[in-house]
Amino acid sequence: MHSRTQPKPDTIAAIATPVGRGGVGVIRISGSNLTALGKQLTGRALLPRVAALATVRDGGGDALDKVVALYFQAPASYTGEDVIELQGHGGPAVMQALLARCLALGCRLARAGEFTERAFLNDKLDLVEAEAVADMIDAASVEAVRSAARSLTGGFSARVHALVARLTDLRMHVEACIDFPEEEIDPADRRAQQTKLQQIRADWDALAREAKQGAVLREGLTVALIGRPNVGKSSLLNCLAGDDIAIVTPIAGTTRDQVCATIHIEGVPIHLIDTAGLRETDDEVEKIGIARTWQAVERAGAALLISEAGETLPADEAAIAAALPPTLPRLCVYNKIDLYARPPSQTGEFAYVSARTGAGVDALRDWLLATAGWQPTGEGVFMARARHLSALSLAGERLRAAGGLVEQYDLFAEELRLAQQALASITGAFTADDLLGEIFGKFCIGK
């Protein structure tokens, strides 16, 4: 079990706004008892939650910048410690000068994610909410922002806590029976325990489904567009992306390296990889591109095998299909139906489209969504990560095992305990320190 301990009392500082020119840049500082530091920086006493206009000067007394200083006194701050934010002019040189002054006065440069890590350690956020901070920053669609916001405001955590509370109630009932073995167990008690377990499993099932949808919204699907040269892979990429991302020419071998684009369908990110045309060639550069095509296929979660609509499947194209990993979802896309007067259609593993006119592409988008695992429910989902799904899966295994042990109280109670521990790891009640380092190490500096 991970116990949340107070972080070291050192004071950390970092630039909290992106690199580059902007109207405003922010320096964030967190530590204990920052009143003296605030006065050193601004030349005046900072009052909690009162914006103060001040000039920050260097060690020699020369002005660095005129800033708005905000002081948040512990524990009423983001990190739970004293926090000072300096809002200055957003030039890179200005920000670096202000940060250097903070470091000269005894601050340490913050590690990636250290402010949010301290918020977690000081019980300002649980682990799901802390991860949602990074997901909110990384969100690439409005739907992803809303999903991350639901997790950040405690939607996911509340569902997990409610499930843990139900497990706790059932465990108390079961362990009471273990503690008093001389008492005859009422058959009604056994039925009540089974009913409670069934309700818990139903709640778990709903939570796991919604978490899986949230993971799809976060991770999306990587799709490799493969086929022989000149079948319209680049044109189809441009059509799906709605922009001229890949170069399109009638010259075979135009695409020699991967061209990537991310599109959003119903908020789900679909990462498209346009690859070099697969054929026999003596061109060394093209050979490298073809090798990278197969590397892209290995990383992909699905493949679009693209051909021309007016031809039967050539032997070399059949060989390409046979070389794909057998478990890789694929769709055979027959392009250029506008040249062959064929209507768009999709059945099973085949689709007929025109990248030039867009005919049939909507059905192709539907296939990509379904392959990604997206199932619109009409309800909001919360952001979920791979570790959340893993913990939910482990809890589900333990609950299923418990269902077969209702007559063996010691084993029944142990399976319930393991299920509860797996669920508690989602919000951080049971969390290894190395996992915390991995999670917060992926944050940006200053958050």
Protein backbone atom coordinates (compact mmCIF):
# COMPACT_ATOMS: atom_id res chain seq x y z
CA MET A 1 0.00 0.00 0.00
CA HIS A 2 1.27 3.41 -0.90
CA SER A 3 0.95 5.88 1.95
CA ARG A 4 0.89 9.49 0.89
CA THR A 5 3.76 11.15 2.69
CA GLN A 6 4.60 14.82 2.74
CA PRO A 7 7.12 15.74 0.02
CA LYS A 8 10.51 17.14 0.88
CA PRO A 9 10.28 20.76 2.09
CA ASP A 10 12.41 22.12 -0.76
CA THR A 11 10.86 24.83 -2.92
CA ILE A 12 10.39 24.12 -6.61
CA ALA A 13 9.91 26.51 -9.53
CA ALA A 14 9.24 26.16 -13.25
CA ILE A 15 7.86 27.97 -16.26
CA ALA A 16 4.23 26.83 -16.52
CA THR A 17 3.45 28.21 -19.99
CA PRO A 18 4.58 26.86 -23.39
CA VAL A 19 7.89 27.80 -24.95
CA GLY A 20 7.63 30.71 -27.37
CA ARG A 21 6.34 34.27 -27.55
CA GLY A 22 3.01 35.16 -25.94
CA GLY A 23 1.17 37.94 -24.20
CA VAL A 24 1.60 36.39 -20.77
CA GLY A 25 3.99 33.85 -19.31
CA VAL A 26 3.67 32.19 -15.89
CA ILE A 27 6.30 31.09 -13.38
CA ARG A 28 4.96 28.70 -10.75
CA ILE A 29 6.60 28.19 -7.35
CA SER A 30 5.59 25.67 -4.66
CA GLY A 31 7.02 24.98 -1.21
CA SER A 32 6.54 25.65 2.47
CA ASN A 33 6.31 29.13 4.00
CA LEU A 34 6.91 31.24 0.88
CA THR A 35 6.13 34.62 2.43
CA ALA A 36 9.82 35.54 2.72
CA LEU A 37 10.55 34.38 -0.83
CA GLY A 38 7.58 36.35 -2.15
CA LYS A 39 8.91 39.53 -0.56
CA GLN A 40 12.41 38.89 -1.94
CA LEU A 41 11.01 38.46 -5.43
CA THR A 42 8.54 41.34 -5.49
CA GLY A 43 9.80 43.75 -2.83
CA ARG A 44 6.48 43.66 -1.00
CA ALA A 45 4.48 41.40 1.31
CA LEU A 46 2.06 39.27 -0.68
CA LEU A 47 -1.41 38.77 0.74
CA PRO A 48 -3.15 35.41 0.13
CA ARG A 49 -5.38 35.44 -2.96
CA VAL A 50 -4.80 39.11 -3.70
CA ALA A 51 -3.27 40.04 -7.07
CA ALA A 52 -0.30 42.38 -6.62
CA LEU A 53 1.46 44.38 -9.34
CA ALA A 54 5.18 44.27 -8.62
CA THR A 55 8.61 44.58 -10.25
CA VAL A 56 10.98 41.63 -10.05
CA ARG A 57 14.62 42.68 -9.89
CA ASP A 58 17.85 40.75 -10.33
CA GLY A 59 20.57 40.44 -7.68
CA GLY A 60 22.02 43.81 -8.64
CA GLY A 61 18.69 45.64 -8.33
CA ASP A 62 17.99 46.02 -12.04
CA ALA A 63 14.38 45.42 -13.14
CA LEU A 64 13.68 42.13 -14.90
CA ASP A 65 9.95 42.45 -15.49
CA LYS A 66 6.78 43.97 -14.11
CA VAL A 67 4.54 41.08 -13.06
CA VAL A 68 1.22 40.25 -11.42
CA ALA A 69 2.04 38.13 -8.35
CA LEU A 70 -0.50 35.76 -6.81
CA TYR A 71 0.05 34.03 -3.46
CA PHE A 72 -1.96 30.94 -2.48
CA GLN A 73 -1.43 29.96 1.14
CA ALA A 74 -1.37 26.28 2.10
CA PRO A 75 -3.47 24.22 2.10
CA ALA A 76 -5.75 26.22 -0.20
CA SER A 77 -3.62 25.79 -3.31
CA TYR A 78 -3.17 23.42 -6.23
CA THR A 79 -0.32 21.50 -4.57
CA GLY A 80 -1.53 21.84 -0.98
CA GLU A 81 1.63 23.83 -0.20
CA ASP A 82 2.28 27.56 -0.41
CA VAL A 83 2.18 28.53 -4.09
CA ILE A 84 3.28 31.74 -5.82
CA GLU A 85 2.55 32.47 -9.46
CA LEU A 86 4.31 35.27 -11.31
CA GLN A 87 2.44 36.38 -14.41
CA GLY A 88 4.90 38.27 -16.58
CA HIS A 89 5.38 39.15 -20.22
CA GLY A 90 5.46 35.99 -22.30
CA GLY A 91 8.81 36.21 -24.06
CA PRO A 92 11.24 33.28 -23.73
CA ALA A 93 14.10 35.51 -22.50
CA VAL A 94 11.85 37.21 -19.93
CA MET A 95 10.63 33.86 -18.59
CA GLN A 96 14.15 32.48 -18.33
CA ALA A 97 15.32 35.60 -16.50
CA LEU A 98 12.48 35.35 -13.97
CA LEU A 99 13.11 31.62 -13.48
CA ALA A 100 16.83 32.25 -12.99
CA ARG A 101 15.99 34.78 -10.27
CA CYS A 102 13.81 32.22 -8.49
CA LEU A 103 16.61 29.64 -8.64
CA ALA A 104 19.14 32.19 -7.36
CA LEU A 105 16.90 32.74 -4.32
CA GLY A 106 17.00 29.05 -3.40
CA CYS A 107 14.34 27.38 -5.53
CA ARG A 108 15.01 24.11 -7.32
CA LEU A 109 13.91 23.47 -10.91
CA ALA A 110 10.80 21.30 -10.77
CA ARG A 111 10.76 17.86 -12.31
CA ALA A 112 8.17 16.98 -14.95
CA GLY A 113 4.79 16.64 -13.26
CA GLU A 114 6.14 17.50 -9.80
CA PHE A 115 3.47 20.10 -9.00
CA THR A 116 0.70 17.59 -9.71
CA GLU A 117 2.62 14.87 -7.88
CA ARG A 118 2.70 17.07 -4.78
CA ALA A 119 -1.04 17.70 -5.19
CA PHE A 120 -1.54 13.92 -5.13
CA LEU A 121 0.76 13.39 -2.15
CA ASN A 122 -1.04 16.16 -0.24
CA ASP A 123 -4.48 14.64 -0.94
CA LYS A 124 -5.61 17.46 -3.23
CA LEU A 125 -6.16 14.98 -6.08
CA ASP A 126 -6.43 11.21 -6.27
CA LEU A 127 -4.40 9.39 -8.92
CA VAL A 128 -7.19 9.26 -11.51
CA GLU A 129 -7.76 13.01 -11.17
CA ALA A 130 -4.01 13.65 -11.39
CA GLU A 131 -3.74 11.63 -14.61
CA ALA A 132 -6.74 13.52 -15.98
CA VAL A 133 -4.70 16.73 -15.69
CA ALA A 134 -2.24 15.39 -18.27
CA ASP A 135 -5.08 14.00 -20.39
CA MET A 136 -6.77 17.42 -20.39
CA ILE A 137 -3.55 19.04 -21.62
CA ASP A 138 -3.03 16.38 -24.30
CA ALA A 139 -6.66 16.29 -25.46
CA ALA A 140 -6.92 16.79 -29.22
CA SER A 141 -10.71 17.04 -29.55
CA VAL A 142 -13.61 18.63 -27.70
CA GLU A 143 -14.92 15.15 -26.83
CA ALA A 144 -11.56 14.22 -25.29
CA VAL A 145 -11.57 17.46 -23.28
CA ARG A 146 -15.03 16.67 -21.90
CA SER A 147 -14.01 13.12 -21.09
CA ALA A 148 -10.87 14.26 -19.27
CA ALA A 149 -12.91 16.89 -17.42
CA ARG A 150 -15.26 14.20 -16.12
CA SER A 151 -12.29 12.32 -14.70
CA LEU A 152 -10.69 15.51 -13.36
CA THR A 153 -13.86 16.50 -11.53
CA GLY A 154 -14.12 13.08 -9.91
CA GLY A 155 -16.63 11.25 -12.12
CA PHE A 156 -14.46 8.15 -12.61
CA SER A 157 -13.17 8.18 -9.03
CA ALA A 158 -16.69 8.40 -7.61
CA ARG A 159 -17.71 5.28 -9.53
CA VAL A 160 -14.64 3.40 -8.31
CA HIS A 161 -15.16 4.55 -4.71
CA ALA A 162 -18.82 3.45 -4.80
CA LEU A 163 -17.78 -0.01 -6.01
CA VAL A 164 -15.11 -0.26 -3.32
CA ALA A 165 -17.67 0.75 -0.69
CA ARG A 166 -19.99 -2.06 -1.81
CA LEU A 167 -17.13 -4.52 -1.65
CA THR A 168 -16.25 -3.31 1.83
CA ASP A 169 -19.82 -3.86 2.99
CA LEU A 170 -19.86 -7.40 1.57
CA ARG A 171 -16.44 -8.20 3.07
CA MET A 172 -17.65 -7.08 6.52
CA HIS A 173 -20.61 -9.44 6.22
CA VAL A 174 -18.48 -12.38 5.06
CA GLU A 175 -15.70 -11.86 7.59
CA ALA A 176 -18.23 -11.64 10.41
CA CYS A 177 -19.26 -15.16 9.48
CA ILE A 178 -15.58 -16.23 9.64
CA ASP A 179 -15.09 -14.61 13.06
CA PHE A 180 -18.02 -16.49 14.57
CA PRO A 181 -17.75 -20.02 13.15
CA GLU A 182 -19.80 -21.53 15.95
CA GLU A 183 -22.87 -19.62 14.80
CA GLU A 184 -25.12 -21.36 12.31
CA ILE A 185 -25.15 -19.35 9.08
CA ASP A 186 -28.66 -18.42 8.09
CA PRO A 187 -29.46 -19.46 4.49
CA ALA A 188 -30.93 -15.98 4.08
CA ASP A 189 -27.48 -14.53 4.82
CA ARG A 190 -25.94 -16.64 2.07
CA ARG A 191 -28.62 -15.48 -0.37
CA ALA A 192 -28.03 -11.86 0.66
CA GLN A 193 -24.29 -12.23 0.07
CA GLN A 194 -24.87 -13.75 -3.36
CA THR A 195 -27.27 -10.93 -4.25
CA LYS A 196 -24.72 -8.32 -3.14
CA LEU A 197 -22.01 -10.01 -5.18
CA GLN A 198 -24.24 -10.06 -8.27
CA GLN A 199 -24.94 -6.34 -7.84
CA ILE A 200 -21.22 -5.63 -7.48
CA ARG A 201 -20.44 -7.62 -10.61
CA ALA A 202 -23.14 -5.73 -12.53
CA ASP A 203 -21.68 -2.40 -11.36
CA TRP A 204 -18.19 -3.60 -12.29
CA ASP A 205 -19.38 -4.62 -15.76
CA ALA A 206 -20.89 -1.18 -16.44
CA LEU A 207 -17.76 0.56 -15.14
CA ALA A 208 -15.45 -1.62 -17.26
CA ARG A 209 -17.49 -0.93 -20.42
CA GLU A 210 -17.40 2.83 -19.89
CA ALA A 211 -13.68 2.77 -19.06
CA LYS A 212 -12.98 0.88 -22.28
CA GLN A 213 -14.83 3.57 -24.24
CA GLY A 214 -12.77 6.22 -22.47
CA ALA A 215 -9.57 4.39 -23.39
CA VAL A 216 -10.65 4.31 -27.05
CA LEU A 217 -11.26 8.06 -26.91
CA ARG A 218 -7.78 8.58 -25.46
CA GLU A 219 -5.69 6.12 -27.48
CA GLY A 220 -7.64 5.79 -30.73
CA LEU A 221 -6.52 3.48 -33.52
CA THR A 222 -3.40 3.38 -35.69
CA VAL A 223 -4.17 2.37 -39.29
CA ALA A 224 -1.66 1.53 -42.02
CA LEU A 225 -2.67 2.25 -45.62
CA ILE A 226 -0.92 -0.34 -47.76
CA GLY A 227 -1.00 -1.59 -51.34
CA ARG A 228 0.82 -1.45 -54.65
CA PRO A 229 1.96 1.90 -56.10
CA ASN A 230 -0.63 4.18 -57.73
CA VAL A 231 -3.75 2.58 -56.23
CA GLY A 232 -4.63 5.83 -54.43
CA LYS A 233 -3.28 5.39 -50.90
CA SER A 234 -2.13 9.00 -50.64
CA SER A 235 -5.35 10.27 -52.22
CA LEU A 236 -7.39 8.32 -49.70
CA LEU A 237 -5.29 9.68 -46.83
CA ASN A 238 -5.91 13.23 -48.09
CA CYS A 239 -9.63 12.52 -48.48
CA LEU A 240 -9.96 11.16 -44.93
CA ALA A 241 -7.86 13.99 -43.50
CA GLY A 242 -9.65 16.68 -45.50
CA ASP A 243 -6.33 18.23 -46.53
CA ASP A 244 -3.49 17.74 -49.02
CA ILE A 245 -1.09 16.09 -46.59
CA ALA A 246 0.49 13.54 -48.93
CA ILE A 247 1.94 14.27 -52.38
CA VAL A 248 -0.15 12.70 -55.14
CA THR A 249 1.34 12.06 -58.63
CA PRO A 250 0.89 9.39 -61.31
CA ILE A 251 4.55 8.43 -60.87
CA ALA A 252 4.99 5.05 -59.18
CA GLY A 253 7.08 5.21 -56.01
CA THR A 254 6.22 8.85 -55.18
CA THR A 255 5.66 7.97 -51.52
CA ARG A 256 8.97 6.66 -50.24
CA ASP A 257 8.59 7.35 -46.54
CA GLN A 258 5.67 7.27 -44.17
CA VAL A 259 3.24 10.18 -44.16
CA CYS A 260 1.19 10.38 -40.96
CA ALA A 261 -2.02 12.20 -40.14
CA THR A 262 -4.42 12.06 -37.23
CA ILE A 263 -8.11 12.57 -37.87
CA HIS A 264 -10.94 12.59 -35.34
CA ILE A 265 -14.15 10.68 -35.98
CA GLU A 266 -16.76 11.37 -33.27
CA GLY A 267 -13.84 12.50 -31.12
CA VAL A 268 -11.92 9.24 -31.53
CA PRO A 269 -8.36 9.80 -32.82
CA ILE A 270 -7.54 7.71 -35.89
CA HIS A 271 -3.81 7.77 -36.69
CA LEU A 272 -3.37 7.15 -40.42
CA ILE A 273 -0.03 6.06 -41.89
CA ASP A 274 0.37 6.36 -45.66
CA THR A 275 3.12 3.93 -46.64
CA ALA A 276 5.37 3.32 -49.62
CA GLY A 277 3.82 1.25 -52.40
CA LEU A 278 4.74 -2.43 -52.14
CA ARG A 279 6.44 -3.79 -55.25
CA GLU A 280 9.68 -5.31 -56.48
CA THR A 281 12.24 -2.53 -57.04
CA ASP A 282 15.96 -1.97 -57.51
CA ASP A 283 15.79 1.55 -56.11
CA GLU A 284 17.64 1.49 -52.78
CA VAL A 285 15.72 4.44 -51.34
CA GLU A 286 12.39 2.87 -52.29
CA LYS A 287 13.49 -0.42 -50.72
CA ILE A 288 14.03 1.40 -47.42
CA GLY A 289 10.53 2.89 -47.70
CA ILE A 290 9.04 -0.58 -48.33
CA ALA A 291 10.85 -1.97 -45.29
CA ARG A 292 9.38 0.85 -43.22
CA THR A 293 5.95 -0.03 -44.60
CA TRP A 294 6.15 -3.46 -43.00
CA GLN A 295 7.42 -1.92 -39.77
CA ALA A 296 4.33 0.33 -39.77
CA VAL A 297 2.11 -2.71 -40.28
CA GLU A 298 3.64 -4.35 -37.20
CA ARG A 299 2.79 -1.29 -35.08
CA ALA A 300 -0.68 -0.76 -36.51
CA GLY A 301 -3.96 -1.78 -34.95
CA ALA A 302 -5.63 -2.18 -38.36
CA ALA A 303 -4.81 -2.03 -42.06
CA LEU A 304 -6.53 -0.73 -45.17
CA LEU A 305 -5.43 -2.86 -48.14
CA ILE A 306 -6.08 -0.59 -51.12
CA SER A 307 -6.61 -1.72 -54.72
CA GLU A 308 -8.23 -0.34 -57.88
CA ALA A 309 -11.93 -1.06 -58.28
CA GLY A 310 -11.71 -2.16 -61.91
CA GLU A 311 -9.34 -5.08 -61.51
CA THR A 312 -9.43 -8.51 -59.96
CA LEU A 313 -7.02 -9.06 -57.10
CA PRO A 314 -3.56 -9.47 -58.70
CA ALA A 315 -1.24 -12.19 -57.46
CA ASP A 316 1.19 -9.71 -55.90
CA GLU A 317 -1.67 -8.01 -54.05
CA ALA A 318 -2.93 -11.36 -52.79
CA ALA A 319 0.60 -11.99 -51.53
CA ILE A 320 0.52 -8.68 -49.64
CA ALA A 321 -2.76 -9.69 -47.97
CA ALA A 322 -1.35 -13.09 -47.05
CA ALA A 323 1.73 -11.47 -45.49
CA LEU A 324 -0.33 -9.40 -43.04
CA PRO A 325 -0.42 -10.63 -39.43
CA PRO A 326 -3.39 -13.03 -39.27
CA THR A 327 -4.97 -11.31 -36.26
CA LEU A 328 -4.66 -7.79 -37.72
CA PRO A 329 -8.09 -6.32 -38.62
CA ARG A 330 -8.07 -5.34 -42.27
CA LEU A 331 -10.43 -3.94 -44.87
CA CYS A 332 -9.90 -4.41 -48.60
CA VAL A 333 -10.66 -1.00 -50.08
CA TYR A 334 -11.33 -0.82 -53.83
CA ASN A 335 -10.61 2.77 -54.84
CA LYS A 336 -11.33 4.83 -57.98
CA ILE A 337 -14.94 3.68 -58.42
CA ASP A 338 -15.54 7.01 -60.21
CA LEU A 339 -13.46 5.66 -63.12
CA TYR A 340 -15.40 2.40 -63.34
CA ALA A 341 -18.99 3.59 -62.78
CA ARG A 342 -19.35 1.41 -59.72
CA PRO A 343 -21.54 2.55 -56.81
CA PRO A 344 -20.02 2.80 -53.34
CA SER A 345 -20.66 -0.14 -51.04
CA GLN A 346 -19.26 -2.04 -48.10
CA THR A 347 -19.86 -5.65 -47.18
CA GLY A 348 -17.80 -7.68 -44.76
CA GLU A 349 -14.11 -7.10 -45.42
CA PHE A 350 -14.61 -5.19 -48.70
CA ALA A 351 -15.39 -1.54 -49.46
CA TYR A 352 -15.75 0.36 -52.74
CA VAL A 353 -14.87 4.06 -52.55
CA SER A 354 -13.63 7.04 -54.53
CA ALA A 355 -10.93 9.10 -52.88
CA ARG A 356 -11.44 11.75 -55.58
CA THR A 357 -15.20 12.29 -55.04
CA GLY A 358 -15.53 11.02 -51.46
CA ALA A 359 -18.12 8.41 -52.41
CA GLY A 360 -18.22 5.55 -49.91
CA VAL A 361 -15.80 7.23 -47.51
CA ASP A 362 -18.45 7.69 -44.79
CA ALA A 363 -18.90 3.93 -44.59
CA LEU A 364 -15.11 3.61 -44.36
CA ARG A 365 -15.11 6.02 -41.40
CA ASP A 366 -17.77 3.87 -39.73
CA TRP A 367 -15.55 0.82 -40.14
CA LEU A 368 -12.62 2.64 -38.59
CA LEU A 369 -14.75 3.65 -35.59
CA ALA A 370 -16.06 0.13 -35.10
CA THR A 371 -12.57 -1.35 -35.39
CA ALA A 372 -11.28 1.14 -32.82
CA GLY A 373 -13.93 -0.23 -30.45
CA TRP A 374 -16.11 2.86 -30.24
CA GLN A 375 -19.75 2.19 -29.34
CA PRO A 376 -21.77 5.40 -28.99
CA THR A 377 -23.93 5.18 -25.87
CA GLY A 378 -25.46 8.64 -25.88
CA GLU A 379 -23.83 9.22 -22.49
CA GLY A 380 -20.60 10.93 -21.52
CA VAL A 381 -17.56 8.76 -20.89
CA PHE A 382 -14.59 9.43 -18.67
CA MET A 383 -10.97 9.25 -19.72
CA ALA A 384 -9.30 5.93 -18.95
CA ARG A 385 -5.78 4.61 -19.37
CA ALA A 386 -4.28 1.17 -19.97
CA ARG A 387 -3.45 0.78 -16.28
CA HIS A 388 -7.09 1.50 -15.36
CA LEU A 389 -8.29 -1.21 -17.75
CA SER A 390 -5.70 -3.63 -16.37
CA ALA A 391 -6.82 -2.99 -12.78
CA LEU A 392 -10.48 -3.35 -13.73
CA SER A 393 -9.73 -6.60 -15.55
CA LEU A 394 -7.92 -7.99 -12.49
CA ALA A 395 -10.84 -6.96 -10.25
CA GLY A 396 -13.24 -8.69 -12.64
CA GLU A 397 -11.21 -11.92 -12.48
CA ARG A 398 -11.27 -11.85 -8.69
CA LEU A 399 -15.02 -11.21 -8.62
CA ARG A 400 -15.66 -14.11 -10.99
CA ALA A 401 -13.49 -16.34 -8.82
CA ALA A 402 -15.39 -15.19 -5.72
CA GLY A 403 -18.65 -16.22 -7.37
CA GLY A 404 -17.55 -19.87 -7.24
CA LEU A 405 -16.45 -19.75 -3.59
CA VAL A 406 -19.50 -18.42 -1.76
CA GLU A 407 -19.63 -21.59 0.36
CA GLN A 408 -15.93 -21.36 1.35
CA TYR A 409 -15.79 -18.21 3.43
CA ASP A 410 -12.02 -17.91 3.85
CA LEU A 411 -11.40 -18.15 0.11
CA PHE A 412 -14.46 -16.03 -0.67
CA ALA A 413 -13.21 -13.25 1.60
CA GLU A 414 -9.70 -13.38 0.09
CA GLU A 415 -10.99 -13.01 -3.46
CA LEU A 416 -13.10 -10.04 -2.38
CA ARG A 417 -10.04 -8.47 -0.73
CA LEU A 418 -7.97 -8.88 -3.89
CA ALA A 419 -10.76 -7.36 -6.01
CA GLN A 420 -10.96 -4.40 -3.64
CA GLN A 421 -7.19 -3.92 -3.74
CA ALA A 422 -7.17 -3.94 -7.56
CA LEU A 423 -9.90 -1.28 -7.67
CA ALA A 424 -8.19 0.83 -5.00
CA SER A 425 -5.02 0.92 -7.11
CA ILE A 426 -6.91 2.96 -9.73
CA THR A 427 -7.34 5.96 -7.45
CA GLY A 428 -3.96 5.52 -5.74
CA ALA A 429 -4.90 3.96 -2.41
CA PHE A 430 -2.60 1.03 -3.31
CA THR A 431 0.16 2.34 -5.55
CA ALA A 432 3.85 1.52 -5.91
CA ASP A 433 6.31 4.42 -5.87
CA ASP A 434 7.85 3.35 -9.16
CA LEU A 435 4.42 3.61 -10.80
CA LEU A 436 4.09 7.17 -9.51
CA GLY A 437 7.45 8.04 -11.06
CA GLU A 438 6.34 6.59 -14.39
CA ILE A 439 3.00 8.44 -14.34
CA PHE A 440 4.22 11.89 -13.33
CA GLY A 441 7.42 11.64 -15.37
CA LYS A 442 5.29 11.85 -18.53
CA PHE A 443 3.80 15.22 -17.55
CA CYS A 444 5.11 18.47 -18.94
CA ILE A 445 7.43 20.66 -16.88
CA GLY A 446 5.51 23.18 -14.78
CA LYS A 447 2.41 21.05 -14.24
